[in-house]
Amino acid sequence: MSKTELNEEQRSILKALYNLAEPSGCKAIGGASDLSWRSVMGKMRGLKGKGLVESPEKGKYVISEKGKEVIS
């Protein structure tokens, strides 16, 4: 299995989600990752498509097990 390639912003988002204990919206993720919420929002679809984040409820995100493996 190839290593998932992520840019710095994607990596920051995953690390922020890892540190946020509960499902979080783009504003909270942005605050935790020093990115604008718009930037976070733009990256979420790609991260979700790669299976690195999950959305347990509309507009809220958590890091997946695969996402945790990628940043560990």
PDB file of N, CA and C in Angstrom:
ATOM      1  N   MET A   1       0.837  -1.183   0.000  1.00  0.00           N
ATOM      2  CA  MET A   1       0.000   0.000   0.000  1.00  0.00           C
ATOM      3  C   MET A   1       0.884   1.250   0.000  1.00  0.00           C
ATOM      4  N   SER A   2       0.614   2.184  -0.894  1.00  0.00           N
ATOM      5  CA  SER A   2       1.448   3.378  -0.987  1.00  0.00           C
ATOM      6  C   SER A   2       1.116   4.350   0.139  1.00  0.00           C
ATOM      7  N   LYS A   3       2.119   5.094   0.536  1.00  0.00           N
ATOM      8  CA  LYS A   3       1.918   6.084   1.603  1.00  0.00           C
ATOM      9  C   LYS A   3       1.061   7.214   1.038  1.00  0.00           C
ATOM     10  N   THR A   4       0.073   7.615   1.783  1.00  0.00           N
ATOM     11  CA  THR A   4      -0.800   8.685   1.334  1.00  0.00           C
ATOM     12  C   THR A   4      -0.042  10.004   1.351  1.00  0.00           C
ATOM     13  N   GLU A   5       0.023  10.666   0.192  1.00  0.00           N
ATOM     14  CA  GLU A   5       0.717  11.941   0.096  1.00  0.00           C
ATOM     15  C   GLU A   5      -0.198  13.068   0.551  1.00  0.00           C
ATOM     16  N   LEU A   6       0.274  13.857   1.495  1.00  0.00           N
ATOM     17  CA  LEU A   6      -0.500  14.984   2.003  1.00  0.00           C
ATOM     18  C   LEU A   6       0.349  16.243   1.971  1.00  0.00           C
ATOM     19  N   ASN A   7      -0.293  17.374   1.698  1.00  0.00           N
ATOM     20  CA  ASN A   7       0.445  18.627   1.796  1.00  0.00           C
ATOM     21  C   ASN A   7       0.393  19.116   3.247  1.00  0.00           C
ATOM     22  N   GLU A   8       1.099  20.201   3.531  1.00  0.00           N
ATOM     23  CA  GLU A   8       1.185  20.715   4.904  1.00  0.00           C
ATOM     24  C   GLU A   8      -0.179  21.060   5.477  1.00  0.00           C
ATOM     25  N   GLU A   9      -1.038  21.686   4.665  1.00  0.00           N
ATOM     26  CA  GLU A   9      -2.364  22.064   5.162  1.00  0.00           C
ATOM     27  C   GLU A   9      -3.182  20.832   5.543  1.00  0.00           C
ATOM     28  N   GLN A  10      -3.156  19.817   4.700  1.00  0.00           N
ATOM     29  CA  GLN A  10      -3.907  18.586   4.988  1.00  0.00           C
ATOM     30  C   GLN A  10      -3.387  17.937   6.271  1.00  0.00           C
ATOM     31  N   ARG A  11      -2.075  17.916   6.417  1.00  0.00           N
ATOM     32  CA  ARG A  11      -1.449  17.337   7.608  1.00  0.00           C
ATOM     33  C   ARG A  11      -1.865  18.125   8.862  1.00  0.00           C
ATOM     34  N   SER A  12      -1.885  19.459   8.750  1.00  0.00           N
ATOM     35  CA  SER A  12      -2.295  20.318   9.870  1.00  0.00           C
ATOM     36  C   SER A  12      -3.735  20.037  10.272  1.00  0.00           C
ATOM     37  N   ILE A  13      -4.591  19.855   9.287  1.00  0.00           N
ATOM     38  CA  ILE A  13      -6.002  19.570   9.558  1.00  0.00           C
ATOM     39  C   ILE A  13      -6.133  18.240  10.295  1.00  0.00           C
ATOM     40  N   LEU A  14      -5.426  17.214   9.828  1.00  0.00           N
ATOM     41  CA  LEU A  14      -5.501  15.907  10.487  1.00  0.00           C
ATOM     42  C   LEU A  14      -4.976  15.976  11.917  1.00  0.00           C
ATOM     43  N   LYS A  15      -3.882  16.712  12.122  1.00  0.00           N
ATOM     44  CA  LYS A  15      -3.332  16.835  13.477  1.00  0.00           C
ATOM     45  C   LYS A  15      -4.315  17.573  14.382  1.00  0.00           C
ATOM     46  N   ALA A  16      -4.950  18.618  13.853  1.00  0.00           N
ATOM     47  CA  ALA A  16      -5.935  19.366  14.638  1.00  0.00           C
ATOM     48  C   ALA A  16      -7.098  18.455  15.023  1.00  0.00           C
ATOM     49  N   LEU A  17      -7.587  17.674  14.062  1.00  0.00           N
ATOM     50  CA  LEU A  17      -8.695  16.755  14.345  1.00  0.00           C
ATOM     51  C   LEU A  17      -8.288  15.712  15.376  1.00  0.00           C
ATOM     52  N   TYR A  18      -7.049  15.264  15.299  1.00  0.00           N
ATOM     53  CA  TYR A  18      -6.547  14.280  16.255  1.00  0.00           C
ATOM     54  C   TYR A  18      -6.597  14.863  17.673  1.00  0.00           C
ATOM     55  N   ASN A  19      -6.247  16.148  17.800  1.00  0.00           N
ATOM     56  CA  ASN A  19      -6.193  16.799  19.110  1.00  0.00           C
ATOM     57  C   ASN A  19      -7.554  17.282  19.612  1.00  0.00           C
ATOM     58  N   LEU A  20      -8.485  17.509  18.698  1.00  0.00           N
ATOM     59  CA  LEU A  20      -9.838  17.916  19.109  1.00  0.00           C
ATOM     60  C   LEU A  20     -10.582  16.648  19.523  1.00  0.00           C
ATOM     61  N   ALA A  21     -11.074  16.629  20.730  1.00  0.00           N
ATOM     62  CA  ALA A  21     -11.639  15.395  21.274  1.00  0.00           C
ATOM     63  C   ALA A  21     -12.968  14.979  20.648  1.00  0.00           C
ATOM     64  N   GLU A  22     -13.742  15.944  20.153  1.00  0.00           N
ATOM     65  CA  GLU A  22     -15.061  15.591  19.638  1.00  0.00           C
ATOM     66  C   GLU A  22     -15.241  16.043  18.196  1.00  0.00           C
ATOM     67  N   PRO A  23     -16.282  15.559  17.527  1.00  0.00           N
ATOM     68  CA  PRO A  23     -16.549  16.001  16.148  1.00  0.00           C
ATOM     69  C   PRO A  23     -16.593  17.525  16.093  1.00  0.00           C
ATOM     70  N   SER A  24     -15.865  18.094  15.139  1.00  0.00           N
ATOM     71  CA  SER A  24     -15.705  19.545  15.087  1.00  0.00           C
ATOM     72  C   SER A  24     -16.025  20.098  13.708  1.00  0.00           C
ATOM     73  N   GLY A  25     -16.470  21.340  13.704  1.00  0.00           N
ATOM     74  CA  GLY A  25     -16.764  22.038  12.460  1.00  0.00           C
ATOM     75  C   GLY A  25     -15.511  22.697  11.899  1.00  0.00           C
ATOM     76  N   CYS A  26     -15.624  23.221  10.693  1.00  0.00           N
ATOM     77  CA  CYS A  26     -14.473  23.817  10.006  1.00  0.00           C
ATOM     78  C   CYS A  26     -13.866  25.001  10.752  1.00  0.00           C
ATOM     79  N   LYS A  27     -14.697  25.787  11.448  1.00  0.00           N
ATOM     80  CA  LYS A  27     -14.156  26.931  12.203  1.00  0.00           C
ATOM     81  C   LYS A  27     -13.254  26.461  13.333  1.00  0.00           C
ATOM     82  N   ALA A  28     -13.703  25.458  14.091  1.00  0.00           N
ATOM     83  CA  ALA A  28     -12.899  24.932  15.201  1.00  0.00           C
ATOM     84  C   ALA A  28     -11.623  24.277  14.683  1.00  0.00           C
ATOM     85  N   ILE A  29     -11.738  23.551  13.580  1.00  0.00           N
ATOM     86  CA  ILE A  29     -10.569  22.890  12.988  1.00  0.00           C
ATOM     87  C   ILE A  29      -9.586  23.945  12.497  1.00  0.00           C
ATOM     88  N   GLY A  30     -10.122  24.976  11.864  1.00  0.00           N
ATOM     89  CA  GLY A  30      -9.280  26.078  11.392  1.00  0.00           C
ATOM     90  C   GLY A  30      -8.529  26.738  12.535  1.00  0.00           C
ATOM     91  N   GLY A  31      -9.242  26.984  13.637  1.00  0.00           N
ATOM     92  CA  GLY A  31      -8.613  27.590  14.807  1.00  0.00           C
ATOM     93  C   GLY A  31      -7.509  26.727  15.376  1.00  0.00           C
ATOM     94  N   ALA A  32      -7.723  25.423  15.370  1.00  0.00           N
ATOM     95  CA  ALA A  32      -6.746  24.492  15.935  1.00  0.00           C
ATOM     96  C   ALA A  32      -5.565  24.238  14.986  1.00  0.00           C
ATOM     97  N   SER A  33      -5.749  24.552  13.702  1.00  0.00           N
ATOM     98  CA  SER A  33      -4.692  24.261  12.725  1.00  0.00           C
ATOM     99  C   SER A  33      -4.069  25.521  12.123  1.00  0.00           C
ATOM    100  N   ASP A  34      -4.464  26.700  12.627  1.00  0.00           N
ATOM    101  CA  ASP A  34      -3.960  27.980  12.103  1.00  0.00           C
ATOM    102  C   ASP A  34      -4.242  28.160  10.617  1.00  0.00           C
ATOM    103  N   LEU A  35      -5.381  27.652  10.178  1.00  0.00           N
ATOM    104  CA  LEU A  35      -5.809  27.840   8.789  1.00  0.00           C
ATOM    105  C   LEU A  35      -7.161  28.533   8.813  1.00  0.00           C
ATOM    106  N   SER A  36      -7.522  29.194   7.722  1.00  0.00           N
ATOM    107  CA  SER A  36      -8.846  29.804   7.670  1.00  0.00           C
ATOM    108  C   SER A  36      -9.885  28.688   7.538  1.00  0.00           C
ATOM    109  N   TRP A  37     -11.077  28.935   8.030  1.00  0.00           N
ATOM    110  CA  TRP A  37     -12.120  27.897   7.936  1.00  0.00           C
ATOM    111  C   TRP A  37     -12.445  27.597   6.492  1.00  0.00           C
ATOM    112  N   ARG A  38     -12.290  28.593   5.613  1.00  0.00           N
ATOM    113  CA  ARG A  38     -12.557  28.361   4.183  1.00  0.00           C
ATOM    114  C   ARG A  38     -11.539  27.382   3.599  1.00  0.00           C
ATOM    115  N   SER A  39     -10.302  27.536   4.016  1.00  0.00           N
ATOM    116  CA  SER A  39      -9.243  26.637   3.563  1.00  0.00           C
ATOM    117  C   SER A  39      -9.527  25.218   4.046  1.00  0.00           C
ATOM    118  N   VAL A  40      -9.937  25.101   5.308  1.00  0.00           N
ATOM    119  CA  VAL A  40     -10.277  23.796   5.886  1.00  0.00           C
ATOM    120  C   VAL A  40     -11.428  23.176   5.100  1.00  0.00           C
ATOM    121  N   MET A  41     -12.458  23.991   4.862  1.00  0.00           N
ATOM    122  CA  MET A  41     -13.632  23.508   4.147  1.00  0.00           C
ATOM    123  C   MET A  41     -13.251  22.970   2.760  1.00  0.00           C
ATOM    124  N   GLY A  42     -12.349  23.680   2.092  1.00  0.00           N
ATOM    125  CA  GLY A  42     -11.914  23.279   0.757  1.00  0.00           C
ATOM    126  C   GLY A  42     -11.152  21.963   0.735  1.00  0.00           C
ATOM    127  N   LYS A  43     -10.470  21.665   1.839  1.00  0.00           N
ATOM    128  CA  LYS A  43      -9.662  20.440   1.893  1.00  0.00           C
ATOM    129  C   LYS A  43     -10.458  19.228   2.383  1.00  0.00           C
ATOM    130  N   MET A  44     -11.580  19.467   3.062  1.00  0.00           N
ATOM    131  CA  MET A  44     -12.309  18.363   3.687  1.00  0.00           C
ATOM    132  C   MET A  44     -12.801  17.296   2.711  1.00  0.00           C
ATOM    133  N   ARG A  45     -13.321  17.706   1.563  1.00  0.00           N
ATOM    134  CA  ARG A  45     -13.839  16.709   0.617  1.00  0.00           C
ATOM    135  C   ARG A  45     -12.744  15.735   0.197  1.00  0.00           C
ATOM    136  N   GLY A  46     -11.552  16.279  -0.075  1.00  0.00           N
ATOM    137  CA  GLY A  46     -10.431  15.429  -0.477  1.00  0.00           C
ATOM    138  C   GLY A  46     -10.000  14.478   0.620  1.00  0.00           C
ATOM    139  N   LEU A  47      -9.932  15.002   1.846  1.00  0.00           N
ATOM    140  CA  LEU A  47      -9.539  14.159   2.979  1.00  0.00           C
ATOM    141  C   LEU A  47     -10.580  13.077   3.232  1.00  0.00           C
ATOM    142  N   LYS A  48     -11.842  13.446   3.085  1.00  0.00           N
ATOM    143  CA  LYS A  48     -12.926  12.484   3.272  1.00  0.00           C
ATOM    144  C   LYS A  48     -12.878  11.424   2.168  1.00  0.00           C
ATOM    145  N   GLY A  49     -12.609  11.864   0.959  1.00  0.00           N
ATOM    146  CA  GLY A  49     -12.512  10.947  -0.185  1.00  0.00           C
ATOM    147  C   GLY A  49     -11.386   9.931  -0.024  1.00  0.00           C
ATOM    148  N   LYS A  50     -10.325  10.338   0.661  1.00  0.00           N
ATOM    149  CA  LYS A  50      -9.192   9.433   0.908  1.00  0.00           C
ATOM    150  C   LYS A  50      -9.430   8.558   2.130  1.00  0.00           C
ATOM    151  N   GLY A  51     -10.571   8.786   2.803  1.00  0.00           N
ATOM    152  CA  GLY A  51     -10.886   7.984   3.986  1.00  0.00           C
ATOM    153  C   GLY A  51     -10.121   8.400   5.228  1.00  0.00           C
ATOM    154  N   LEU A  52      -9.593   9.624   5.229  1.00  0.00           N
ATOM    155  CA  LEU A  52      -8.787  10.082   6.361  1.00  0.00           C
ATOM    156  C   LEU A  52      -9.616  10.788   7.421  1.00  0.00           C
ATOM    157  N   VAL A  53     -10.778  11.312   7.017  1.00  0.00           N
ATOM    158  CA  VAL A  53     -11.699  11.905   7.982  1.00  0.00           C
ATOM    159  C   VAL A  53     -13.088  11.329   7.756  1.00  0.00           C
ATOM    160  N   GLU A  54     -13.887  11.362   8.809  1.00  0.00           N
ATOM    161  CA  GLU A  54     -15.269  10.892   8.738  1.00  0.00           C
ATOM    162  C   GLU A  54     -16.167  12.007   9.233  1.00  0.00           C
ATOM    163  N   SER A  55     -17.409  11.972   8.799  1.00  0.00           N
ATOM    164  CA  SER A  55     -18.363  12.989   9.206  1.00  0.00           C
ATOM    165  C   SER A  55     -19.551  12.318   9.900  1.00  0.00           C
ATOM    166  N   PRO A  56     -19.478  12.206  11.243  1.00  0.00           N
ATOM    167  CA  PRO A  56     -20.543  11.530  11.985  1.00  0.00           C
ATOM    168  C   PRO A  56     -21.858  12.309  11.973  1.00  0.00           C
ATOM    169  N   GLU A  57     -21.765  13.635  11.769  1.00  0.00           N
ATOM    170  CA  GLU A  57     -22.972  14.446  11.632  1.00  0.00           C
ATOM    171  C   GLU A  57     -22.672  15.576  10.662  1.00  0.00           C
ATOM    172  N   LYS A  58     -23.713  16.130  10.078  1.00  0.00           N
ATOM    173  CA  LYS A  58     -23.532  17.154   9.040  1.00  0.00           C
ATOM    174  C   LYS A  58     -22.692  18.327   9.551  1.00  0.00           C
ATOM    175  N   GLY A  59     -21.634  18.636   8.813  1.00  0.00           N
ATOM    176  CA  GLY A  59     -20.789  19.772   9.162  1.00  0.00           C
ATOM    177  C   GLY A  59     -19.787  19.531  10.280  1.00  0.00           C
ATOM    178  N   LYS A  60     -19.714  18.308  10.779  1.00  0.00           N
ATOM    179  CA  LYS A  60     -18.767  17.973  11.852  1.00  0.00           C
ATOM    180  C   LYS A  60     -17.863  16.841  11.376  1.00  0.00           C
ATOM    181  N   TYR A  61     -16.606  16.916  11.769  1.00  0.00           N
ATOM    182  CA  TYR A  61     -15.632  15.936  11.293  1.00  0.00           C
ATOM    183  C   TYR A  61     -14.813  15.350  12.433  1.00  0.00           C
ATOM    184  N   VAL A  62     -14.377  14.113  12.223  1.00  0.00           N
ATOM    185  CA  VAL A  62     -13.440  13.444  13.130  1.00  0.00           C
ATOM    186  C   VAL A  62     -12.378  12.764  12.267  1.00  0.00           C
ATOM    187  N   ILE A  63     -11.210  12.543  12.847  1.00  0.00           N
ATOM    188  CA  ILE A  63     -10.160  11.823  12.121  1.00  0.00           C
ATOM    189  C   ILE A  63     -10.478  10.328  12.152  1.00  0.00           C
ATOM    190  N   SER A  64     -10.245   9.646  11.039  1.00  0.00           N
ATOM    191  CA  SER A  64     -10.501   8.202  10.981  1.00  0.00           C
ATOM    192  C   SER A  64      -9.267   7.440  11.464  1.00  0.00           C
ATOM    193  N   GLU A  65      -9.422   6.134  11.644  1.00  0.00           N
ATOM    194  CA  GLU A  65      -8.265   5.303  12.035  1.00  0.00           C
ATOM    195  C   GLU A  65      -7.172   5.409  10.989  1.00  0.00           C
ATOM    196  N   LYS A  66      -7.553   5.415   9.709  1.00  0.00           N
ATOM    197  CA  LYS A  66      -6.573   5.543   8.628  1.00  0.00           C
ATOM    198  C   LYS A  66      -5.853   6.886   8.721  1.00  0.00           C
ATOM    199  N   GLY A  67      -6.623   7.938   9.043  1.00  0.00           N
ATOM    200  CA  GLY A  67      -6.027   9.264   9.210  1.00  0.00           C
ATOM    201  C   GLY A  67      -4.997   9.293  10.335  1.00  0.00           C
ATOM    202  N   LYS A  68      -5.307   8.601  11.436  1.00  0.00           N
ATOM    203  CA  LYS A  68      -4.392   8.528  12.569  1.00  0.00           C
ATOM    204  C   LYS A  68      -3.101   7.821  12.158  1.00  0.00           C
ATOM    205  N   GLU A  69      -3.232   6.758  11.354  1.00  0.00           N
ATOM    206  CA  GLU A  69      -2.052   6.015  10.904  1.00  0.00           C
ATOM    207  C   GLU A  69      -1.154   6.903  10.041  1.00  0.00           C
ATOM    208  N   VAL A  70      -1.782   7.702   9.175  1.00  0.00           N
ATOM    209  CA  VAL A  70      -1.035   8.543   8.248  1.00  0.00           C
ATOM    210  C   VAL A  70      -0.184   9.587   8.975  1.00  0.00           C
ATOM    211  N   ILE A  71      -0.703  10.149  10.069  1.00  0.00           N
ATOM    212  CA  ILE A  71       0.065  11.193  10.759  1.00  0.00           C
ATOM    213  C   ILE A  71       0.947  10.664  11.882  1.00  0.00           C
ATOM    214  N   SER A  72       0.840   9.380  12.196  1.00  0.00           N
ATOM    215  CA  SER A  72       1.655   8.848  13.298  1.00  0.00           C
ATOM    216  C   SER A  72       3.100   8.618  12.878  1.00  0.00           C
TER     217      SER A  72
END
